[in-house]
Protein backbone atom coordinates (compact mmCIF):
# COMPACT_ATOMS: atom_id res chain seq x y z
CA MET A 1 -31.02 -34.20 36.43
CA LYS A 2 -29.32 -31.11 35.04
CA ALA A 3 -27.04 -33.54 32.96
CA GLU A 4 -30.02 -35.33 31.72
CA ILE A 5 -31.83 -32.16 30.79
CA GLY A 6 -28.61 -30.70 28.86
CA ARG A 7 -28.25 -34.10 27.01
CA ALA A 8 -31.76 -34.18 25.96
CA ALA A 9 -31.49 -30.40 24.77
CA ALA A 10 -28.30 -31.25 23.05
CA ALA A 11 -30.11 -34.18 21.26
CA LEU A 12 -32.76 -32.03 20.41
CA ALA A 13 -30.67 -29.48 18.58
CA ALA A 14 -29.21 -32.20 16.80
CA TRP A 15 -32.52 -33.48 15.54
CA ASN A 16 -33.52 -30.01 14.56
CA ARG A 17 -30.16 -29.55 12.63
CA HIS A 18 -30.32 -32.70 10.90
CA TYR A 19 -33.82 -33.82 10.40
CA ASN A 20 -36.03 -30.68 11.11
CA PRO A 21 -37.21 -29.60 7.44
CA VAL A 22 -37.35 -26.08 8.52
CA GLU A 23 -34.13 -25.72 10.16
CA LYS A 24 -32.39 -27.79 6.85
CA THR A 25 -34.04 -25.16 4.73
CA LYS A 26 -32.52 -22.34 6.77
CA THR A 27 -29.23 -24.02 6.69
CA TRP A 28 -29.18 -24.70 2.89
CA LEU A 29 -30.81 -20.90 2.27
CA TRP A 30 -27.78 -19.45 4.55
CA ILE A 31 -25.32 -21.61 2.76
CA MET A 32 -26.36 -20.47 -0.84
CA VAL A 33 -26.59 -16.74 -0.09
CA ARG A 34 -23.06 -16.50 1.58
CA SER A 35 -22.05 -18.38 -1.75
CA VAL A 36 -23.52 -15.85 -4.14
CA LEU A 37 -22.28 -12.94 -1.93
CA LEU A 38 -18.75 -14.34 -2.09
CA PHE A 39 -18.80 -15.41 -5.83
CA GLY A 40 -20.26 -11.85 -6.65
CA ILE A 41 -17.61 -9.87 -4.27
CA SER A 42 -15.05 -12.35 -5.87
CA PHE A 43 -15.95 -11.48 -9.39
CA ILE A 44 -16.18 -7.65 -8.88
CA ILE A 45 -12.43 -7.67 -7.45
CA LEU A 46 -10.96 -10.07 -10.10
CA TYR A 47 -12.68 -9.14 -13.14
CA PRO A 48 -10.50 -5.89 -13.93
CA ILE A 49 -7.47 -8.29 -13.36
CA MET A 50 -8.98 -10.89 -15.75
CA THR A 51 -10.00 -8.30 -18.11
CA LYS A 52 -6.38 -7.21 -18.59
CA ILE A 53 -4.88 -10.53 -18.39
CA SER A 54 -7.14 -11.65 -21.53
CA ILE A 55 -6.52 -8.41 -23.45
CA ALA A 56 -2.50 -8.43 -22.75
CA PHE A 57 -2.45 -11.84 -24.88
CA LYS A 58 -4.77 -10.78 -27.62
CA SER A 59 -3.72 -10.14 -31.20
CA SER A 60 -5.27 -7.56 -33.12
CA GLU A 61 -7.28 -9.92 -35.08
CA ASP A 62 -8.76 -11.07 -31.68
CA LEU A 63 -9.34 -7.13 -30.76
CA PHE A 64 -11.75 -6.55 -33.29
CA ASP A 65 -13.34 -10.05 -33.36
CA SER A 66 -17.09 -9.96 -31.66
CA THR A 67 -16.62 -13.84 -30.60
CA VAL A 68 -13.57 -13.57 -28.62
CA VAL A 69 -14.35 -12.43 -25.00
CA TRP A 70 -12.35 -13.81 -22.52
CA ILE A 71 -9.75 -16.54 -24.21
CA PRO A 72 -7.56 -15.25 -27.29
CA ARG A 73 -7.81 -17.21 -30.33
CA ASN A 74 -4.35 -16.21 -31.62
CA VAL A 75 -2.30 -15.81 -28.31
CA THR A 76 0.62 -13.77 -28.71
CA LEU A 77 3.28 -11.63 -26.81
CA ASP A 78 3.88 -8.90 -29.16
CA ASN A 79 1.62 -6.69 -26.80
CA VAL A 80 4.06 -7.52 -23.77
CA LYS A 81 7.39 -6.89 -25.82
CA ARG A 82 6.14 -3.61 -26.98
CA VAL A 83 5.00 -2.30 -24.04
CA MET A 84 8.23 -3.32 -22.11
CA GLU A 85 9.92 -1.39 -25.09
CA TYR A 86 7.98 1.82 -24.41
CA LEU A 87 8.04 1.72 -20.70
CA ASP A 88 12.11 0.88 -20.49
CA TYR A 89 10.33 -1.92 -18.30
CA TYR A 90 13.58 -3.03 -16.55
CA THR A 91 14.86 0.23 -15.61
CA ALA A 92 11.67 1.49 -14.58
CA VAL A 93 10.96 -1.26 -12.27
CA THR A 94 14.54 -1.37 -10.80
CA ASN A 95 14.16 2.42 -9.99
CA THR A 96 10.92 2.03 -8.52
CA LEU A 97 11.87 -0.95 -6.32
CA LEU A 98 14.72 0.69 -5.12
CA LEU A 99 13.14 3.85 -4.38
CA SER A 100 9.89 2.45 -2.79
CA VAL A 101 12.11 0.07 -0.59
CA SER A 102 14.20 2.88 0.86
CA VAL A 103 11.27 5.06 1.20
CA ALA A 104 9.53 2.16 3.26
CA VAL A 105 12.56 1.58 5.40
CA LEU A 106 12.82 5.51 6.37
CA GLN A 107 9.25 5.78 6.89
CA LEU A 108 9.06 2.62 8.99
CA VAL A 109 12.05 4.33 11.19
CA SER A 110 10.74 7.75 11.45
CA CYS A 111 7.27 7.08 12.04
CA ALA A 112 7.87 4.35 14.66
CA LEU A 113 9.92 6.70 16.63
CA ALA A 114 7.03 9.41 16.66
CA GLY A 115 4.18 6.81 17.24
CA TYR A 116 6.15 5.82 20.18
CA GLY A 117 6.81 9.31 21.65
CA PHE A 118 3.28 10.16 21.41
CA ALA A 119 2.36 6.53 22.78
CA ARG A 120 4.50 6.78 25.96
CA LEU A 121 6.38 9.80 26.39
CA LYS A 122 4.15 12.62 27.92
CA PHE A 123 4.99 16.06 27.15
CA TRP A 124 3.46 19.75 27.28
CA GLY A 125 1.15 19.88 23.92
CA SER A 126 1.46 16.29 22.86
CA GLY A 127 -2.05 16.07 22.46
CA VAL A 128 -2.33 19.11 20.02
CA LEU A 129 0.79 17.71 18.21
CA PHE A 130 -1.12 14.38 17.72
CA ALA A 131 -4.19 16.05 16.71
CA LEU A 132 -2.05 17.89 14.00
CA VAL A 133 -0.62 14.69 12.66
CA VAL A 134 -4.12 12.84 12.39
CA PHE A 135 -5.21 15.75 10.67
CA THR A 136 -2.65 15.66 7.91
CA ILE A 137 -4.28 12.41 6.87
CA VAL A 138 -7.33 14.19 5.68
CA ILE A 139 -5.56 17.18 4.07
CA PRO A 140 -5.11 16.80 -0.05
CA PRO A 141 -1.14 16.97 -0.86
CA GLN A 142 -2.35 19.30 -3.60
CA THR A 143 -3.06 22.28 -1.22
CA ILE A 144 0.48 22.67 -0.41
CA MET A 145 1.97 21.73 -3.65
CA VAL A 146 3.55 25.20 -4.45
CA PRO A 147 5.50 25.57 -1.21
CA THR A 148 6.59 21.63 -1.09
CA TYR A 149 7.95 22.28 -4.66
CA LEU A 150 9.76 25.39 -3.84
CA HIS A 151 11.04 23.94 -0.53
CA TYR A 152 12.84 21.29 -2.59
CA ARG A 153 13.79 23.82 -5.42
CA PHE A 154 15.38 25.97 -3.19
CA PHE A 155 16.43 23.67 -0.20
CA ASP A 156 18.39 25.11 2.51
CA VAL A 157 18.68 24.20 6.28
CA PHE A 158 18.10 27.33 8.55
CA GLY A 159 19.65 29.54 5.60
CA ILE A 160 23.13 28.19 6.30
CA TYR A 161 23.89 27.23 2.86
CA GLY A 162 22.77 30.28 1.70
CA LEU A 163 24.98 32.30 4.30
CA PHE A 164 28.10 30.67 3.04
CA THR A 165 27.50 30.19 -0.49
CA GLY A 166 25.37 33.15 -1.15
CA SER A 167 22.86 31.55 -3.40
CA LYS A 168 19.30 30.60 -2.92
CA GLY A 169 19.69 27.24 -1.84
CA VAL A 170 20.38 23.36 -3.43
CA ASN A 171 18.05 22.11 -6.18
CA LEU A 172 16.98 18.70 -5.27
CA LEU A 173 14.63 18.08 -8.10
CA GLU A 174 15.11 15.35 -10.30
CA SER A 175 16.62 13.41 -7.63
CA TYR A 176 15.44 10.89 -4.98
CA TRP A 177 16.25 13.43 -2.19
CA PRO A 178 12.80 15.05 -1.64
CA PHE A 179 11.54 11.08 -1.17
CA PHE A 180 14.25 10.60 1.37
CA ILE A 181 14.12 13.73 3.33
CA SER A 182 10.18 13.89 3.72
CA SER A 183 10.31 10.21 4.74
CA ALA A 184 13.25 10.39 7.28
CA LEU A 185 11.63 13.13 8.84
CA ALA A 186 8.05 11.38 9.16
CA MET A 187 6.71 13.83 6.46
CA GLY A 188 6.17 11.85 3.58
CA LEU A 189 3.26 10.06 1.89
CA LYS A 190 0.73 8.78 4.31
CA ASN A 191 3.11 9.32 7.07
CA GLY A 192 0.11 10.58 9.32
CA LEU A 193 -1.45 7.38 9.33
CA TYR A 194 1.44 5.21 9.86
CA ILE A 195 2.30 7.25 13.15
CA PHE A 196 -1.11 6.37 14.20
CA ILE A 197 -0.94 2.89 13.49
CA PHE A 198 2.40 2.67 15.98
CA ARG A 199 0.80 4.79 18.46
CA GLN A 200 -2.33 2.92 18.68
CA PHE A 201 -0.43 -0.30 19.12
CA PHE A 202 2.21 1.00 21.47
CA ARG A 203 -0.41 2.38 23.50
CA ALA A 204 -2.13 -1.55 23.89
CA LEU A 205 1.17 -2.99 25.26
CA PRO A 206 1.27 -3.26 28.75
CA LYS A 207 3.71 -0.49 30.88
CA GLU A 208 5.36 -3.45 32.72
CA LEU A 209 7.59 -3.99 29.86
CA GLU A 210 8.99 -0.53 29.74
CA GLU A 211 9.03 -0.27 34.11
CA ALA A 212 10.92 -3.77 33.79
CA ALA A 213 13.40 -2.47 31.23
CA TYR A 214 14.01 0.71 33.39
CA VAL A 215 14.60 -1.19 36.30
CA ASP A 216 17.44 -3.29 34.45
CA GLY A 217 19.11 0.43 33.88
CA ALA A 218 17.71 0.98 30.24
CA GLY A 219 17.36 4.16 28.73
CA VAL A 220 14.35 5.42 26.63
CA LEU A 221 16.24 4.62 23.31
CA LYS A 222 17.36 1.32 24.10
CA THR A 223 13.76 0.41 25.82
CA PHE A 224 12.24 1.16 22.63
CA VAL A 225 14.68 -0.84 20.41
CA ARG A 226 15.32 -3.87 22.67
CA VAL A 227 11.85 -4.17 24.34
CA MET A 228 8.98 -2.45 22.38
CA LEU A 229 10.14 -2.93 18.50
CA PRO A 230 10.48 -6.81 18.60
CA ASN A 231 7.06 -6.54 20.51
CA ALA A 232 5.41 -4.29 17.21
CA THR A 233 5.94 -6.95 14.51
CA PRO A 234 2.24 -6.58 13.21
CA SER A 235 2.74 -2.79 13.06
CA ILE A 236 5.66 -2.91 11.54
CA VAL A 237 4.63 -5.38 8.73
CA THR A 238 1.64 -3.31 8.04
CA VAL A 239 3.33 -0.12 7.64
CA LEU A 240 5.81 -1.50 5.51
CA LEU A 241 3.44 -3.29 3.09
CA PHE A 242 1.44 0.15 3.37
CA SER A 243 4.26 2.50 2.47
CA PHE A 244 5.99 0.10 -0.23
CA ILE A 245 2.60 -0.05 -2.02
CA TRP A 246 1.49 3.38 -1.75
CA GLN A 247 5.27 4.65 -2.96
CA TRP A 248 4.95 1.89 -5.89
CA ASN A 249 1.62 3.28 -7.09
CA ASP A 250 2.43 7.26 -6.49
CA SER A 251 2.25 9.41 -9.25
CA TYR A 252 1.77 12.74 -7.82
CA PHE A 253 5.05 13.21 -5.96
CA VAL A 254 7.00 11.27 -8.66
CA ASN A 255 5.51 13.97 -11.25
CA LEU A 256 6.29 16.73 -8.70
CA PHE A 257 9.83 15.86 -7.81
CA THR A 258 10.86 13.87 -10.69
CA PRO A 259 8.99 14.48 -13.83
CA HIS A 260 11.76 13.05 -16.04
CA ALA A 261 12.80 10.00 -14.00
CA THR A 262 12.35 6.44 -15.45
CA LEU A 263 9.69 5.30 -12.65
CA LEU A 264 7.02 3.11 -13.46
CA SER A 265 3.86 5.11 -12.68
CA ARG A 266 5.26 8.03 -14.60
CA THR A 267 6.31 6.27 -17.87
CA LEU A 268 2.98 4.14 -17.60
CA ALA A 269 1.15 7.57 -17.13
CA LEU A 270 2.81 8.53 -20.53
CA LEU A 271 2.02 5.60 -21.96
CA PRO A 272 -0.91 6.80 -24.50
CA GLY A 273 1.81 9.68 -25.64
CA ILE A 274 4.67 7.30 -26.51
CA VAL A 275 3.01 4.53 -28.19
CA ARG A 276 4.54 4.34 -32.01
CA PRO A 277 1.88 5.53 -34.38
CA GLU A 278 2.80 2.45 -36.83
CA TYR A 279 1.50 0.37 -33.95
CA VAL A 280 -1.64 2.04 -33.59
CA GLY A 281 -4.93 1.19 -34.89
CA GLY A 282 -7.20 3.51 -33.31
CA VAL A 283 -8.39 4.22 -29.69
CA ALA A 284 -8.56 0.51 -29.35
CA HIS A 285 -5.08 -0.44 -29.93
CA THR A 286 -4.37 2.46 -27.61
CA SER A 287 -6.39 0.59 -24.82
CA LEU A 288 -4.78 -2.85 -25.60
CA TYR A 289 -1.30 -1.53 -24.56
CA LEU A 290 -2.67 0.65 -21.54
CA ASN A 291 -4.43 -2.59 -20.26
CA THR A 292 -1.02 -4.72 -21.06
CA GLY A 293 0.96 -1.82 -19.06
CA THR A 294 -1.13 -1.59 -16.17
CA LEU A 295 -0.93 -5.60 -15.58
CA MET A 296 2.69 -5.53 -16.29
CA ALA A 297 2.92 -2.43 -13.26
CA ILE A 298 0.98 -4.54 -10.85
CA LEU A 299 2.73 -7.78 -11.56
CA PRO A 300 5.41 -6.99 -9.05
CA ILE A 301 3.06 -6.24 -6.41
CA PHE A 302 1.15 -9.50 -7.07
CA VAL A 303 3.88 -11.47 -6.58
CA LEU A 304 4.88 -9.59 -3.12
CA TYR A 305 1.50 -10.12 -1.95
CA LEU A 306 1.62 -14.03 -3.00
CA PHE A 307 4.49 -14.25 -0.44
CA ALA A 308 3.39 -11.87 2.14
CA GLN A 309 -0.31 -12.42 2.58
CA LYS A 310 -0.08 -14.56 5.61
CA TYR A 311 1.75 -12.11 7.22
CA PHE A 312 -0.19 -8.83 5.95
CA VAL A 313 -3.70 -10.44 7.25
CA GLU A 314 -2.04 -11.13 10.46
CA SER A 315 -0.89 -7.83 11.07
CA VAL A 316 -3.94 -6.21 10.08
CA GLU A 317 -6.15 -7.98 12.21
CA ARG A 318 -3.64 -7.25 15.50
CA THR A 319 -3.16 -3.88 15.07
CA GLY A 320 -6.89 -3.37 14.38
CA VAL A 321 -6.83 -1.09 11.14
CA VAL A 322 -10.09 -3.35 9.96
CA GLY A 323 -13.30 -2.81 11.55
C-alpha cells in the first residue's frame, strides 16, 4: 500500500512538473531570473577587462571616433609596444615574478608552522597570541609605516651588529630583504589571514592522525611534515595563490622598501609621468596607455588563473573561506 502511494505521489509530482501550467510557468520564470542574474553579474565582472582589451588595440583615430565602441576599426599594437617600453616590461615582470614566488613560499612555510602551533600545541597565552594575530588582519599597515621603515633602514638583531661595528645598523632598503625577512617570520602582507586559514584547517583534522604518528615514534616536527602537511593541500593552494596575487599587486610595501626597483606595480603607478610628451594627445591618450598597462599587468595573473582555477576553487571550498 505504501509503495503504491509513493508511486502515485511521484507520478503526480512528475505531472505537475511537465503538464501543470502553473508549475511550468514557475520553472521557466526561475530559469529566466537565474539567467538574468548570471548574465548581469558576469557582465559587471568582465566589463572592465573587456574595456581594457578594446582600448589596448585602438588607434588614435578610433579613440576619438564616437562610432567605435568595442571593436576597433584600425587594430594596432603600437599601444602595447609603447607601454612595454615605458614599463621596461620584461624586466619588471621577471623581478615581480621572482619576488612574488619567493614571498609566497616563505609565507607558506612560516604561516603553516604558526597555524599548526596554534591549532595543536597548547601553551600558556596561546589564546591571547592568536587573538593578536587575528587583530593584525584589521590593522592598516599605514599605522606602523614609520617604525617599519626605520626598522629596515637601521636593521640590527638585538644590537649585535652595532656592538661590533659601532654603526646604527644595516640599510636593507632598496633590496628584497625586507620582504624576505618579514615573510619568513610570518609578519608579511596578510600573514594574519594565512595563519588563521591554517589554524582552522589543522583543527578540523582528526587527532588520531597525530596520535598514530606519536605511537610510531615521530616527534612534533616530523608529524607536521610527514602527516599534517600532506593532508593540508587545500590550505596550501589557497595560501600560495593568495600570497602570490597580493604580492604581485602590492604597491604600498614596494614603494616603502624599494622605491627605485623595477617592479610592475611601481612602474605602472608611475606610467602617467613617464609617457613621452610627443605621444600624448591630452588626457585621453594618457588614459589609453594606462588601460593598456593595467591589462598587461594582470595578464600573467590571468594566465595563472587559467591553469590553477580548478585547484583554487576546490581549496577555497574545502577550507571554508567562502560563506
